[in-house]
Amino acid sequence: MRTLDGIGRFDGYSVKWFTKQNTSLRGIPKDNPFVEDAEGYFWFTDGNHVDLLHRKTCEVLPLEEKFPAGIPFSSPIEHLWAARDGGIYLKELGSQAFFHYHPSTGITELSHLKGSGAVYATASGLWAHDNKLGWRKFDYLTHEILAAFKIKWGGGFIHGYRAPEDWFSYFDPITKETVLLKIGTIAADEIMRIPAEKGNPKFKYQILYHKPLDLLILNAPYTNGELVAIDPDAKKVIPIGPAPGQDPPAFHSTLYVDREGILWRKQPSSLGLLKISKPIFTRYGEGLASRGLWANENRLLVQSAYIDFNQPETIRHIMGLTQIQSVLTTDKKEIW
């Protein structure tokens, strides 16, 4: 967890803090994704430095100490992305150059990605976005362009859906619709347009993939605010939950469904859970869902409080936890 005070590890009972005062961290990481490499090191940047923190030993290393023979870039690293099999993509601020790191190969420059704004790694290739050229998919070994498409608005890939196919969604502010695309080799096929009362063209996750039930879920209010799934084959929406009570329509900010099939979402004044197999809507106290919520298989974390899925009606508070800015990763035993 990235907070204003440092990095925290929550094991379900307490938070262990890593700060500039008790470690050799040189700065609090910026609000962009942390990534973990194949050796168990978390990589993060504060905009000026890259530091590494090992998730098991809690060792903190400046990037320069990790590579005493030297690193191939001189200006700060602007952004980090996860690559396949424990690799890391790095983008240099000054030259806009891209680099790839893996423990087995070291750091190598990727000249074909220079100037790209973002990358997204899939099993079948690496997508890179260019403001002029749009999205292009590269072969990992040959760097050959495998597919390409361009849209006017921002959006994001739907992670894991019907892999190795590529699916994408975005919000069209002119028609007030969320658009579902299936990406081909030379174009993007428009599969559906779904009415949405509110939307933001810059919002990346318009549609979310619910893997346990193999559902696409609209992550925006639909007509009266109800929660709906999307059937791209039949080209229709399927209501799967009630409207959010007295709360005004808002983005659901859905995580994923836990082991019991409960889908968690936040509203402006409260936190709800919905069991899709048997619709149940339950509310927790007002003011909990202020900026975000995160979960592993056992617990849901909401700022300074958490809920144990084995006792979901009880809210437990974490003493000394300041406002969470972002969460790095979750697994069965811990939330970073």
C-alpha atoms as a PDB file:
ATOM      1  CA  MET A   1       0.000   0.000   0.000  1.00  0.00           C
ATOM      2  CA  ARG A   2       1.299   3.407  -0.890  1.00  0.00           C
ATOM      3  CA  THR A   3       0.303   6.063   1.615  1.00  0.00           C
ATOM      4  CA  LEU A   4       1.468   9.597   2.313  1.00  0.00           C
ATOM      5  CA  ASP A   5       3.821   8.152   4.948  1.00  0.00           C
ATOM      6  CA  GLY A   6       5.394   5.234   3.140  1.00  0.00           C
ATOM      7  CA  ILE A   7       4.774   1.685   1.910  1.00  0.00           C
ATOM      8  CA  GLY A   8       2.745  -0.732   4.022  1.00  0.00           C
ATOM      9  CA  ARG A   9       2.280  -4.503   4.145  1.00  0.00           C
ATOM     10  CA  PHE A  10      -1.035  -5.669   5.653  1.00  0.00           C
ATOM     11  CA  ASP A  11      -1.184  -9.326   6.764  1.00  0.00           C
ATOM     12  CA  GLY A  12      -4.748  -9.228   8.070  1.00  0.00           C
ATOM     13  CA  TYR A  13      -3.737  -8.207  11.568  1.00  0.00           C
ATOM     14  CA  SER A  14      -1.381  -5.239  11.381  1.00  0.00           C
ATOM     15  CA  VAL A  15       0.538  -3.046   8.950  1.00  0.00           C
ATOM     16  CA  LYS A  16       4.327  -3.138   8.657  1.00  0.00           C
ATOM     17  CA  TRP A  17       5.702   0.182   7.423  1.00  0.00           C
ATOM     18  CA  PHE A  18       8.649   0.902   5.131  1.00  0.00           C
ATOM     19  CA  THR A  19       9.583   4.593   5.141  1.00  0.00           C
ATOM     20  CA  LYS A  20      12.537   6.885   4.466  1.00  0.00           C
ATOM     21  CA  GLN A  21      13.154   6.903   8.208  1.00  0.00           C
ATOM     22  CA  ASN A  22      13.455   3.145   8.824  1.00  0.00           C
ATOM     23  CA  THR A  23      14.812   1.999   5.424  1.00  0.00           C
ATOM     24  CA  SER A  24      17.041   3.327   2.660  1.00  0.00           C
ATOM     25  CA  LEU A  25      14.052   4.367   0.537  1.00  0.00           C
ATOM     26  CA  ARG A  26      14.874   7.633  -1.208  1.00  0.00           C
ATOM     27  CA  GLY A  27      11.298   8.772  -1.748  1.00  0.00           C
ATOM     28  CA  ILE A  28       7.637   7.785  -1.518  1.00  0.00           C
ATOM     29  CA  PRO A  29       6.628   6.130  -4.801  1.00  0.00           C
ATOM     30  CA  LYS A  30       4.555   8.083  -7.310  1.00  0.00           C
ATOM     31  CA  ASP A  31       0.954   7.163  -7.974  1.00  0.00           C
ATOM     32  CA  ASN A  32       1.573   4.653 -10.733  1.00  0.00           C
ATOM     33  CA  PRO A  33       1.670   0.845 -10.687  1.00  0.00           C
ATOM     34  CA  PHE A  34       4.364  -0.909  -8.696  1.00  0.00           C
ATOM     35  CA  VAL A  35       5.612  -4.047 -10.435  1.00  0.00           C
ATOM     36  CA  GLU A  36       7.203  -7.236  -9.141  1.00  0.00           C
ATOM     37  CA  ASP A  37      10.027  -9.031 -10.952  1.00  0.00           C
ATOM     38  CA  ALA A  38      10.798 -12.757 -11.113  1.00  0.00           C
ATOM     39  CA  GLU A  39      13.138 -12.506  -8.112  1.00  0.00           C
ATOM     40  CA  GLY A  40      10.457 -11.085  -5.817  1.00  0.00           C
ATOM     41  CA  TYR A  41      11.574  -7.433  -5.901  1.00  0.00           C
ATOM     42  CA  PHE A  42       8.979  -4.682  -6.102  1.00  0.00           C
ATOM     43  CA  TRP A  43      10.081  -1.836  -8.405  1.00  0.00           C
ATOM     44  CA  PHE A  44       8.773   1.697  -7.902  1.00  0.00           C
ATOM     45  CA  THR A  45       9.717   5.267  -8.692  1.00  0.00           C
ATOM     46  CA  ASP A  46       9.161   8.591  -6.930  1.00  0.00           C
ATOM     47  CA  GLY A  47       9.807  10.473 -10.172  1.00  0.00           C
ATOM     48  CA  ASN A  48      13.524  10.908  -9.493  1.00  0.00           C
ATOM     49  CA  HIS A  49      14.755   7.522  -8.278  1.00  0.00           C
ATOM     50  CA  VAL A  50      13.922   3.851  -8.751  1.00  0.00           C
ATOM     51  CA  ASP A  51      14.088   1.712  -5.608  1.00  0.00           C
ATOM     52  CA  LEU A  52      13.558  -2.023  -5.166  1.00  0.00           C
ATOM     53  CA  LEU A  53      11.959  -3.708  -2.142  1.00  0.00           C
ATOM     54  CA  HIS A  54      12.021  -7.500  -1.734  1.00  0.00           C
ATOM     55  CA  ARG A  55       8.628  -8.782  -0.620  1.00  0.00           C
ATOM     56  CA  LYS A  56      10.051 -11.613   1.536  1.00  0.00           C
ATOM     57  CA  THR A  57      13.343 -10.315   2.948  1.00  0.00           C
ATOM     58  CA  CYS A  58      12.195  -6.640   2.956  1.00  0.00           C
ATOM     59  CA  GLU A  59      15.623  -5.629   1.596  1.00  0.00           C
ATOM     60  CA  VAL A  60      15.606  -2.152   0.006  1.00  0.00           C
ATOM     61  CA  LEU A  61      17.992  -1.511  -2.898  1.00  0.00           C
ATOM     62  CA  PRO A  62      18.558   1.615  -4.999  1.00  0.00           C
ATOM     63  CA  LEU A  63      18.517   0.676  -8.683  1.00  0.00           C
ATOM     64  CA  GLU A  64      22.169   1.694  -8.983  1.00  0.00           C
ATOM     65  CA  GLU A  65      23.193  -0.867  -6.342  1.00  0.00           C
ATOM     66  CA  LYS A  66      21.238  -3.597  -8.109  1.00  0.00           C
ATOM     67  CA  PHE A  67      23.317  -2.885 -11.244  1.00  0.00           C
ATOM     68  CA  PRO A  68      26.768  -1.753 -10.057  1.00  0.00           C
ATOM     69  CA  ALA A  69      28.184  -2.090 -13.589  1.00  0.00           C
ATOM     70  CA  GLY A  70      25.902   0.731 -14.717  1.00  0.00           C
ATOM     71  CA  ILE A  71      22.443   1.354 -16.142  1.00  0.00           C
ATOM     72  CA  PRO A  72      21.724   2.426 -19.757  1.00  0.00           C
ATOM     73  CA  PHE A  73      19.691   5.557 -18.972  1.00  0.00           C
ATOM     74  CA  SER A  74      20.560   8.877 -17.394  1.00  0.00           C
ATOM     75  CA  SER A  75      17.243  10.652 -16.763  1.00  0.00           C
ATOM     76  CA  PRO A  76      14.551   9.502 -14.294  1.00  0.00           C
ATOM     77  CA  ILE A  77      12.216   6.606 -15.043  1.00  0.00           C
ATOM     78  CA  GLU A  78       8.747   7.998 -15.724  1.00  0.00           C
ATOM     79  CA  HIS A  79       6.722   4.811 -15.568  1.00  0.00           C
ATOM     80  CA  LEU A  80       6.927   1.056 -14.956  1.00  0.00           C
ATOM     81  CA  TRP A  81       4.809  -1.773 -16.383  1.00  0.00           C
ATOM     82  CA  ALA A  82       4.707  -5.513 -15.728  1.00  0.00           C
ATOM     83  CA  ALA A  83       6.037  -7.741 -18.497  1.00  0.00           C
ATOM     84  CA  ARG A  84       5.563 -11.466 -18.994  1.00  0.00           C
ATOM     85  CA  ASP A  85       7.228 -14.032 -16.720  1.00  0.00           C
ATOM     86  CA  GLY A  86       8.457 -11.574 -14.124  1.00  0.00           C
ATOM     87  CA  GLY A  87       9.929  -8.945 -16.420  1.00  0.00           C
ATOM     88  CA  ILE A  88       9.677  -5.140 -16.169  1.00  0.00           C
ATOM     89  CA  TYR A  89       9.135  -2.424 -18.799  1.00  0.00           C
ATOM     90  CA  LEU A  90      10.653   0.984 -17.983  1.00  0.00           C
ATOM     91  CA  LYS A  91      10.095   4.312 -19.738  1.00  0.00           C
ATOM     92  CA  GLU A  92      12.758   7.014 -19.462  1.00  0.00           C
ATOM     93  CA  LEU A  93      11.444  10.531 -18.929  1.00  0.00           C
ATOM     94  CA  GLY A  94      14.033  12.489 -20.920  1.00  0.00           C
ATOM     95  CA  SER A  95      14.448  10.468 -24.114  1.00  0.00           C
ATOM     96  CA  GLN A  96      11.074   8.663 -23.943  1.00  0.00           C
ATOM     97  CA  ALA A  97      13.036   5.461 -24.545  1.00  0.00           C
ATOM     98  CA  PHE A  98      11.710   2.071 -23.427  1.00  0.00           C
ATOM     99  CA  PHE A  99      13.706  -0.643 -21.711  1.00  0.00           C
ATOM    100  CA  HIS A 100      12.992  -4.222 -20.673  1.00  0.00           C
ATOM    101  CA  TYR A 101      14.419  -5.972 -17.637  1.00  0.00           C
ATOM    102  CA  HIS A 102      14.403  -9.638 -16.677  1.00  0.00           C
ATOM    103  CA  PRO A 103      16.800 -11.343 -14.231  1.00  0.00           C
ATOM    104  CA  SER A 104      17.876 -13.748 -16.978  1.00  0.00           C
ATOM    105  CA  THR A 105      18.654 -11.091 -19.611  1.00  0.00           C
ATOM    106  CA  GLY A 106      19.367  -7.863 -17.730  1.00  0.00           C
ATOM    107  CA  ILE A 107      18.292  -4.444 -19.065  1.00  0.00           C
ATOM    108  CA  THR A 108      17.908  -4.011 -22.829  1.00  0.00           C
ATOM    109  CA  GLU A 109      16.628  -1.032 -24.841  1.00  0.00           C
ATOM    110  CA  LEU A 110      13.557  -1.512 -27.073  1.00  0.00           C
ATOM    111  CA  SER A 111      14.085   0.994 -29.875  1.00  0.00           C
ATOM    112  CA  HIS A 112      10.825   0.095 -31.655  1.00  0.00           C
ATOM    113  CA  LEU A 113       8.838   1.368 -28.650  1.00  0.00           C
ATOM    114  CA  LYS A 114      10.505   4.770 -28.332  1.00  0.00           C
ATOM    115  CA  GLY A 115       7.943   7.539 -27.996  1.00  0.00           C
ATOM    116  CA  SER A 116       5.097   5.213 -27.033  1.00  0.00           C
ATOM    117  CA  GLY A 117       2.842   6.360 -24.244  1.00  0.00           C
ATOM    118  CA  ALA A 118       1.997   3.024 -22.636  1.00  0.00           C
ATOM    119  CA  VAL A 119       2.445  -0.716 -23.109  1.00  0.00           C
ATOM    120  CA  TYR A 120       0.283  -3.736 -22.295  1.00  0.00           C
ATOM    121  CA  ALA A 121       1.755  -7.252 -22.261  1.00  0.00           C
ATOM    122  CA  THR A 122      -0.343 -10.230 -23.379  1.00  0.00           C
ATOM    123  CA  ALA A 123       0.552 -13.866 -24.015  1.00  0.00           C
ATOM    124  CA  SER A 124       0.417 -13.333 -27.775  1.00  0.00           C
ATOM    125  CA  GLY A 125       2.269 -10.021 -28.077  1.00  0.00           C
ATOM    126  CA  LEU A 126       3.063  -6.596 -26.651  1.00  0.00           C
ATOM    127  CA  TRP A 127       0.623  -3.746 -27.280  1.00  0.00           C
ATOM    128  CA  ALA A 128       2.081  -0.216 -27.381  1.00  0.00           C
ATOM    129  CA  HIS A 129       0.163   3.042 -27.764  1.00  0.00           C
ATOM    130  CA  ASP A 130       1.354   5.969 -29.875  1.00  0.00           C
ATOM    131  CA  ASN A 131      -0.606   9.244 -29.986  1.00  0.00           C
ATOM    132  CA  LYS A 132      -0.300   9.420 -33.779  1.00  0.00           C
ATOM    133  CA  LEU A 133      -0.297   5.749 -34.774  1.00  0.00           C
ATOM    134  CA  GLY A 134      -2.728   4.372 -32.198  1.00  0.00           C
ATOM    135  CA  TRP A 135      -2.336   0.889 -30.700  1.00  0.00           C
ATOM    136  CA  ARG A 136       0.130  -1.542 -32.291  1.00  0.00           C
ATOM    137  CA  LYS A 137       0.832  -5.140 -31.263  1.00  0.00           C
ATOM    138  CA  PHE A 138       4.454  -6.335 -31.568  1.00  0.00           C
ATOM    139  CA  ASP A 139       5.926  -9.817 -31.651  1.00  0.00           C
ATOM    140  CA  TYR A 140       8.142 -10.251 -28.577  1.00  0.00           C
ATOM    141  CA  LEU A 141      11.095 -11.702 -30.488  1.00  0.00           C
ATOM    142  CA  THR A 142      11.008 -10.205 -33.990  1.00  0.00           C
ATOM    143  CA  HIS A 143       9.258  -6.897 -33.098  1.00  0.00           C
ATOM    144  CA  GLU A 144       7.053  -7.440 -36.166  1.00  0.00           C
ATOM    145  CA  ILE A 145       3.707  -5.618 -36.014  1.00  0.00           C
ATOM    146  CA  LEU A 146       1.015  -8.282 -35.575  1.00  0.00           C
ATOM    147  CA  ALA A 147      -2.062  -6.052 -35.288  1.00  0.00           C
ATOM    148  CA  ALA A 148      -3.036  -2.397 -35.094  1.00  0.00           C
ATOM    149  CA  PHE A 149      -6.068  -0.207 -34.489  1.00  0.00           C
ATOM    150  CA  LYS A 150      -6.824   3.418 -33.743  1.00  0.00           C
ATOM    151  CA  ILE A 151      -9.709   5.029 -31.890  1.00  0.00           C
ATOM    152  CA  LYS A 152     -10.477   8.638 -31.092  1.00  0.00           C
ATOM    153  CA  TRP A 153     -11.095   8.129 -27.368  1.00  0.00           C
ATOM    154  CA  GLY A 154      -9.109   6.536 -24.580  1.00  0.00           C
ATOM    155  CA  GLY A 155      -9.921   3.163 -23.106  1.00  0.00           C
ATOM    156  CA  GLY A 156      -8.338  -0.089 -22.039  1.00  0.00           C
ATOM    157  CA  PHE A 157      -7.916  -3.780 -22.778  1.00  0.00           C
ATOM    158  CA  ILE A 158     -10.144  -6.277 -20.996  1.00  0.00           C
ATOM    159  CA  HIS A 159      -7.600  -8.402 -19.177  1.00  0.00           C
ATOM    160  CA  GLY A 160      -7.953 -12.170 -19.555  1.00  0.00           C
ATOM    161  CA  TYR A 161     -11.136 -12.262 -21.615  1.00  0.00           C
ATOM    162  CA  ARG A 162     -11.165 -15.049 -24.223  1.00  0.00           C
ATOM    163  CA  ALA A 163      -7.371 -15.156 -24.424  1.00  0.00           C
ATOM    164  CA  PRO A 164      -5.464 -15.190 -26.727  1.00  0.00           C
ATOM    165  CA  GLU A 165      -8.029 -12.883 -28.362  1.00  0.00           C
ATOM    166  CA  ASP A 166      -7.763  -9.151 -27.617  1.00  0.00           C
ATOM    167  CA  TRP A 167     -10.819  -7.200 -26.422  1.00  0.00           C
ATOM    168  CA  PHE A 168     -10.989  -3.471 -25.733  1.00  0.00           C
ATOM    169  CA  SER A 169     -13.553  -1.030 -24.334  1.00  0.00           C
ATOM    170  CA  TYR A 170     -13.953   2.762 -24.274  1.00  0.00           C
ATOM    171  CA  PHE A 171     -16.587   5.408 -23.588  1.00  0.00           C
ATOM    172  CA  ASP A 172     -17.923   7.518 -26.455  1.00  0.00           C
ATOM    173  CA  PRO A 173     -18.784  10.952 -24.971  1.00  0.00           C
ATOM    174  CA  ILE A 174     -20.756  11.995 -28.058  1.00  0.00           C
ATOM    175  CA  THR A 175     -23.278   9.143 -28.017  1.00  0.00           C
ATOM    176  CA  LYS A 176     -22.961   8.492 -24.250  1.00  0.00           C
ATOM    177  CA  GLU A 177     -22.240   4.805 -24.839  1.00  0.00           C
ATOM    178  CA  THR A 178     -19.656   2.282 -23.697  1.00  0.00           C
ATOM    179  CA  VAL A 179     -18.212   0.522 -26.759  1.00  0.00           C
ATOM    180  CA  LEU A 180     -16.958  -3.087 -26.830  1.00  0.00           C
ATOM    181  CA  LEU A 181     -14.370  -3.964 -29.495  1.00  0.00           C
ATOM    182  CA  LYS A 182     -12.801  -7.224 -30.654  1.00  0.00           C
ATOM    183  CA  ILE A 183      -9.362  -6.566 -32.093  1.00  0.00           C
ATOM    184  CA  GLY A 184      -8.410  -8.139 -35.423  1.00  0.00           C
ATOM    185  CA  THR A 185      -5.097  -8.032 -37.244  1.00  0.00           C
ATOM    186  CA  ILE A 186      -5.829  -4.848 -39.226  1.00  0.00           C
ATOM    187  CA  ALA A 187      -8.850  -3.311 -37.511  1.00  0.00           C
ATOM    188  CA  ALA A 188     -11.056  -3.318 -34.443  1.00  0.00           C
ATOM    189  CA  ASP A 189     -14.518  -4.813 -34.893  1.00  0.00           C
ATOM    190  CA  GLU A 190     -17.255  -2.997 -32.981  1.00  0.00           C
ATOM    191  CA  ILE A 191     -19.279  -5.681 -31.203  1.00  0.00           C
ATOM    192  CA  MET A 192     -21.671  -3.675 -29.021  1.00  0.00           C
ATOM    193  CA  ARG A 193     -22.623  -0.222 -27.801  1.00  0.00           C
ATOM    194  CA  ILE A 194     -24.104  -0.051 -24.305  1.00  0.00           C
ATOM    195  CA  PRO A 195     -25.938   3.063 -23.027  1.00  0.00           C
ATOM    196  CA  ALA A 196     -24.340   4.564 -19.923  1.00  0.00           C
ATOM    197  CA  GLU A 197     -25.747   7.549 -18.060  1.00  0.00           C
ATOM    198  CA  LYS A 198     -22.346   8.816 -17.017  1.00  0.00           C
ATOM    199  CA  GLY A 199     -18.929   8.231 -18.449  1.00  0.00           C
ATOM    200  CA  ASN A 200     -15.414   9.524 -18.708  1.00  0.00           C
ATOM    201  CA  PRO A 201     -13.405   9.081 -21.948  1.00  0.00           C
ATOM    202  CA  LYS A 202     -10.203   8.956 -19.870  1.00  0.00           C
ATOM    203  CA  PHE A 203     -11.467   6.108 -17.674  1.00  0.00           C
ATOM    204  CA  LYS A 204      -9.576   2.960 -18.651  1.00  0.00           C
ATOM    205  CA  TYR A 205     -11.739   0.163 -17.277  1.00  0.00           C
ATOM    206  CA  GLN A 206     -15.160   0.678 -18.877  1.00  0.00           C
ATOM    207  CA  ILE A 207     -15.822  -3.074 -18.938  1.00  0.00           C
ATOM    208  CA  LEU A 208     -14.416  -5.608 -16.467  1.00  0.00           C
ATOM    209  CA  TYR A 209     -13.955  -9.359 -16.878  1.00  0.00           C
ATOM    210  CA  HIS A 210     -15.357 -11.505 -14.091  1.00  0.00           C
ATOM    211  CA  LYS A 211     -13.306 -14.686 -14.552  1.00  0.00           C
ATOM    212  CA  PRO A 212     -15.023 -17.062 -12.062  1.00  0.00           C
ATOM    213  CA  LEU A 213     -18.386 -16.670 -13.820  1.00  0.00           C
ATOM    214  CA  ASP A 214     -16.914 -15.839 -17.250  1.00  0.00           C
ATOM    215  CA  LEU A 215     -18.846 -12.572 -17.414  1.00  0.00           C
ATOM    216  CA  LEU A 216     -18.185  -9.130 -18.813  1.00  0.00           C
ATOM    217  CA  ILE A 217     -19.528  -6.498 -16.401  1.00  0.00           C
ATOM    218  CA  LEU A 218     -20.292  -2.900 -17.294  1.00  0.00           C
ATOM    219  CA  ASN A 219     -18.317  -0.670 -14.912  1.00  0.00           C
ATOM    220  CA  ALA A 220     -20.638   2.329 -15.318  1.00  0.00           C
ATOM    221  CA  PRO A 221     -24.255   3.100 -14.435  1.00  0.00           C
ATOM    222  CA  TYR A 222     -26.711   1.475 -16.841  1.00  0.00           C
ATOM    223  CA  THR A 223     -30.069   3.299 -17.223  1.00  0.00           C
ATOM    224  CA  ASN A 224     -31.296   3.391 -13.600  1.00  0.00           C
ATOM    225  CA  GLY A 225     -27.907   2.445 -12.156  1.00  0.00           C
ATOM    226  CA  GLU A 226     -28.378  -1.325 -12.045  1.00  0.00           C
ATOM    227  CA  LEU A 227     -25.437  -3.700 -12.425  1.00  0.00           C
ATOM    228  CA  VAL A 228     -25.423  -5.532 -15.763  1.00  0.00           C
ATOM    229  CA  ALA A 229     -23.385  -8.203 -17.493  1.00  0.00           C
ATOM    230  CA  ILE A 230     -22.686  -8.107 -21.228  1.00  0.00           C
ATOM    231  CA  ASP A 231     -23.274 -11.012 -23.637  1.00  0.00           C
ATOM    232  CA  PRO A 232     -21.220 -10.162 -26.756  1.00  0.00           C
ATOM    233  CA  ASP A 233     -22.488 -13.212 -28.680  1.00  0.00           C
ATOM    234  CA  ALA A 234     -26.160 -12.339 -28.248  1.00  0.00           C
ATOM    235  CA  LYS A 235     -25.294  -8.606 -28.214  1.00  0.00           C
ATOM    236  CA  LYS A 236     -27.405  -7.852 -25.169  1.00  0.00           C
ATOM    237  CA  VAL A 237     -27.057  -6.856 -21.532  1.00  0.00           C
ATOM    238  CA  ILE A 238     -28.184  -9.049 -18.624  1.00  0.00           C
ATOM    239  CA  PRO A 239     -29.254  -7.510 -15.293  1.00  0.00           C
ATOM    240  CA  ILE A 240     -27.363  -9.206 -12.466  1.00  0.00           C
ATOM    241  CA  GLY A 241     -27.980  -6.854  -9.565  1.00  0.00           C
ATOM    242  CA  PRO A 242     -30.279  -4.207  -8.184  1.00  0.00           C
ATOM    243  CA  ALA A 243     -29.813  -0.481  -8.513  1.00  0.00           C
ATOM    244  CA  PRO A 244     -27.605   1.004  -5.766  1.00  0.00           C
ATOM    245  CA  GLY A 245     -30.409   2.044  -3.390  1.00  0.00           C
ATOM    246  CA  GLN A 246     -30.467   5.726  -2.499  1.00  0.00           C
ATOM    247  CA  ASP A 247     -27.005   6.443  -3.821  1.00  0.00           C
ATOM    248  CA  PRO A 248     -26.845   8.365  -7.110  1.00  0.00           C
ATOM    249  CA  PRO A 249     -25.491   6.417 -10.125  1.00  0.00           C
ATOM    250  CA  ALA A 250     -21.708   6.242 -10.096  1.00  0.00           C
ATOM    251  CA  PHE A 251     -18.913   4.086 -11.407  1.00  0.00           C
ATOM    252  CA  HIS A 252     -19.009   0.769  -9.607  1.00  0.00           C
ATOM    253  CA  SER A 253     -15.188   0.677  -9.192  1.00  0.00           C
ATOM    254  CA  THR A 254     -15.486  -3.108  -9.121  1.00  0.00           C
ATOM    255  CA  LEU A 255     -12.595  -5.293  -8.079  1.00  0.00           C
ATOM    256  CA  TYR A 256     -13.474  -8.881  -8.808  1.00  0.00           C
ATOM    257  CA  VAL A 257     -15.585 -11.613  -7.290  1.00  0.00           C
ATOM    258  CA  ASP A 258     -14.209 -13.382  -4.242  1.00  0.00           C
ATOM    259  CA  ARG A 259     -14.178 -17.153  -3.691  1.00  0.00           C
ATOM    260  CA  GLU A 260     -17.868 -17.122  -2.698  1.00  0.00           C
ATOM    261  CA  GLY A 261     -19.012 -15.313  -5.830  1.00  0.00           C
ATOM    262  CA  ILE A 262     -19.426 -11.957  -4.120  1.00  0.00           C
ATOM    263  CA  LEU A 263     -18.671  -8.925  -6.233  1.00  0.00           C
ATOM    264  CA  TRP A 264     -17.483  -5.883  -4.307  1.00  0.00           C
ATOM    265  CA  ARG A 265     -18.162  -2.330  -5.365  1.00  0.00           C
ATOM    266  CA  LYS A 266     -18.198   1.112  -3.783  1.00  0.00           C
ATOM    267  CA  GLN A 267     -20.704   3.939  -3.897  1.00  0.00           C
ATOM    268  CA  PRO A 268     -20.237   7.575  -2.825  1.00  0.00           C
ATOM    269  CA  SER A 269     -21.445   6.997   0.735  1.00  0.00           C
ATOM    270  CA  SER A 270     -21.247   3.261   1.366  1.00  0.00           C
ATOM    271  CA  LEU A 271     -19.867  -0.118   0.377  1.00  0.00           C
ATOM    272  CA  GLY A 272     -21.995  -2.916  -1.027  1.00  0.00           C
ATOM    273  CA  LEU A 273     -21.619  -6.582  -1.811  1.00  0.00           C
ATOM    274  CA  LEU A 274     -23.664  -8.553  -4.297  1.00  0.00           C
ATOM    275  CA  LYS A 275     -23.825 -12.329  -4.579  1.00  0.00           C
ATOM    276  CA  ILE A 276     -24.595 -12.886  -8.225  1.00  0.00           C
ATOM    277  CA  SER A 277     -25.814 -16.488  -7.973  1.00  0.00           C
ATOM    278  CA  LYS A 278     -28.496 -15.333  -5.484  1.00  0.00           C
ATOM    279  CA  PRO A 279     -28.937 -11.565  -5.547  1.00  0.00           C
ATOM    280  CA  ILE A 280     -28.236 -10.122  -2.121  1.00  0.00           C
ATOM    281  CA  PHE A 281     -27.417  -6.493  -1.520  1.00  0.00           C
ATOM    282  CA  THR A 282     -25.866  -5.590   1.831  1.00  0.00           C
ATOM    283  CA  ARG A 283     -24.669  -2.208   3.056  1.00  0.00           C
ATOM    284  CA  TYR A 284     -21.827  -1.262   5.341  1.00  0.00           C
ATOM    285  CA  GLY A 285     -21.331   1.986   7.237  1.00  0.00           C
ATOM    286  CA  GLU A 286     -21.323   5.332   5.513  1.00  0.00           C
ATOM    287  CA  GLY A 287     -18.025   6.999   4.770  1.00  0.00           C
ATOM    288  CA  LEU A 288     -15.977   3.819   4.342  1.00  0.00           C
ATOM    289  CA  ALA A 289     -15.494   3.857   0.582  1.00  0.00           C
ATOM    290  CA  SER A 290     -13.712   7.167   0.221  1.00  0.00           C
ATOM    291  CA  ARG A 291     -11.092   6.564  -2.469  1.00  0.00           C
ATOM    292  CA  GLY A 292     -10.649   2.866  -3.113  1.00  0.00           C
ATOM    293  CA  LEU A 293     -10.991  -0.710  -1.995  1.00  0.00           C
ATOM    294  CA  TRP A 294      -8.864  -3.791  -2.504  1.00  0.00           C
ATOM    295  CA  ALA A 295      -9.208  -7.474  -1.685  1.00  0.00           C
ATOM    296  CA  ASN A 296      -7.492 -10.830  -1.643  1.00  0.00           C
ATOM    297  CA  GLU A 297      -9.286 -14.157  -1.150  1.00  0.00           C
ATOM    298  CA  ASN A 298      -9.673 -13.630   2.582  1.00  0.00           C
ATOM    299  CA  ARG A 299     -10.196  -9.933   3.273  1.00  0.00           C
ATOM    300  CA  LEU A 300     -11.460  -6.703   1.802  1.00  0.00           C
ATOM    301  CA  LEU A 301      -9.474  -3.571   2.645  1.00  0.00           C
ATOM    302  CA  VAL A 302     -11.211  -0.180   2.614  1.00  0.00           C
ATOM    303  CA  GLN A 303      -8.866   2.616   3.631  1.00  0.00           C
ATOM    304  CA  SER A 304      -8.400   2.222   7.405  1.00  0.00           C
ATOM    305  CA  ALA A 305     -10.874  -0.643   7.790  1.00  0.00           C
ATOM    306  CA  TYR A 306     -11.139  -4.211   6.562  1.00  0.00           C
ATOM    307  CA  ILE A 307     -13.716  -6.990   6.358  1.00  0.00           C
ATOM    308  CA  ASP A 308     -12.965 -10.698   6.823  1.00  0.00           C
ATOM    309  CA  PHE A 309     -14.966 -12.703   4.292  1.00  0.00           C
ATOM    310  CA  ASN A 310     -15.546 -15.407   6.918  1.00  0.00           C
ATOM    311  CA  GLN A 311     -17.307 -12.819   9.107  1.00  0.00           C
ATOM    312  CA  PRO A 312     -18.557 -10.309   6.507  1.00  0.00           C
ATOM    313  CA  GLU A 313     -20.916  -8.418   8.789  1.00  0.00           C
ATOM    314  CA  THR A 314     -18.110  -7.146  11.037  1.00  0.00           C
ATOM    315  CA  ILE A 315     -15.988  -4.123  10.157  1.00  0.00           C
ATOM    316  CA  ARG A 316     -12.522  -4.064  11.720  1.00  0.00           C
ATOM    317  CA  HIS A 317     -10.395  -0.944  11.881  1.00  0.00           C
ATOM    318  CA  ILE A 318      -6.619  -0.806  11.425  1.00  0.00           C
ATOM    319  CA  MET A 319      -4.950   1.473  13.904  1.00  0.00           C
ATOM    320  CA  GLY A 320      -2.389   3.936  12.565  1.00  0.00           C
ATOM    321  CA  LEU A 321      -3.252   3.505   8.883  1.00  0.00           C
ATOM    322  CA  THR A 322      -3.336   6.787   6.964  1.00  0.00           C
ATOM    323  CA  GLN A 323      -5.166   7.286   3.707  1.00  0.00           C
ATOM    324  CA  ILE A 324      -4.152   4.730   1.082  1.00  0.00           C
ATOM    325  CA  GLN A 325      -3.071   6.211  -2.256  1.00  0.00           C
ATOM    326  CA  SER A 326      -2.737   2.938  -4.174  1.00  0.00           C
ATOM    327  CA  VAL A 327      -2.278  -0.797  -3.659  1.00  0.00           C
ATOM    328  CA  LEU A 328       0.554  -2.716  -5.276  1.00  0.00           C
ATOM    329  CA  THR A 329      -0.514  -6.323  -5.165  1.00  0.00           C
ATOM    330  CA  THR A 330      -2.602  -8.837  -3.256  1.00  0.00           C
ATOM    331  CA  ASP A 331      -2.325 -12.540  -2.595  1.00  0.00           C
ATOM    332  CA  LYS A 332      -3.893 -14.997  -0.151  1.00  0.00           C
ATOM    333  CA  LYS A 333      -1.823 -13.905   2.842  1.00  0.00           C
ATOM    334  CA  GLU A 334      -1.049 -10.241   2.370  1.00  0.00           C
ATOM    335  CA  ILE A 335      -1.923  -6.948   0.712  1.00  0.00           C
ATOM    336  CA  TRP A 336       0.936  -4.610  -0.237  1.00  0.00           C
END
